[in-house]
Amino acid sequence: MLTIDRAIVDAIFAHARRDHPDEACGLVAGPVGSDTPVRHIPMQNAERSMTFFSLDSMEQLRVWREMDDRDEEPVVIYHSHTATEAYPSRSDIGIASDLGEPNAHYLLVSTREPATEEIRSFRIVDGAVTEEPVRIVDATVDPHAVQTYMFGQSPTTVDYECSR
């Protein structure tokens, strides 16, 4: 399961909507071994394409060196789809293999419907794609201050179940 802060999800959607109709890409770094995404790093889509993305190699080198200096790793690697569902394509699976980050969560958002947040997370290891639940937490809400909430939600979380 991917647990991610609402503010980071909002930043990812803002980046994806800003770059629409081109695909957006980036990552969320966190302390090595923590599986905790904490620092959003939007990156350039070197392809500037509506249907494909790749990380700029020089920017990638700079970002990975910066993470090394900060004892971080890419916890989430994300990109957007602009006209299709948030599900990895063959090229996405190839890019995941090329990146060599088997512990990363591969997050996809779709901007095909402007008023809807479509977000899904996957593990991609050796070409095998496994969807996982996404748990969005709101770190700005004091869980003790909220008295009521709807079924399936807590004062600080909203769980999205996998449909596949």
Foldseek 3Di string as FASTA:
>chain_A
DQEAAPVLLVVQVVQQVVLPLFKWWWFFKDAPPPLYGDRTDTADFPVSHNADGDGDPVVVVVVVVVCVVVNIDGQEIEMEHEADAFDDDQVNLVRVVVVPDQNHWYKYWYCPDVVDTHIWTWGRDPNDTDTDKYKYFHPVDDQVVDDDDDPQAGRTIHIDGDPD
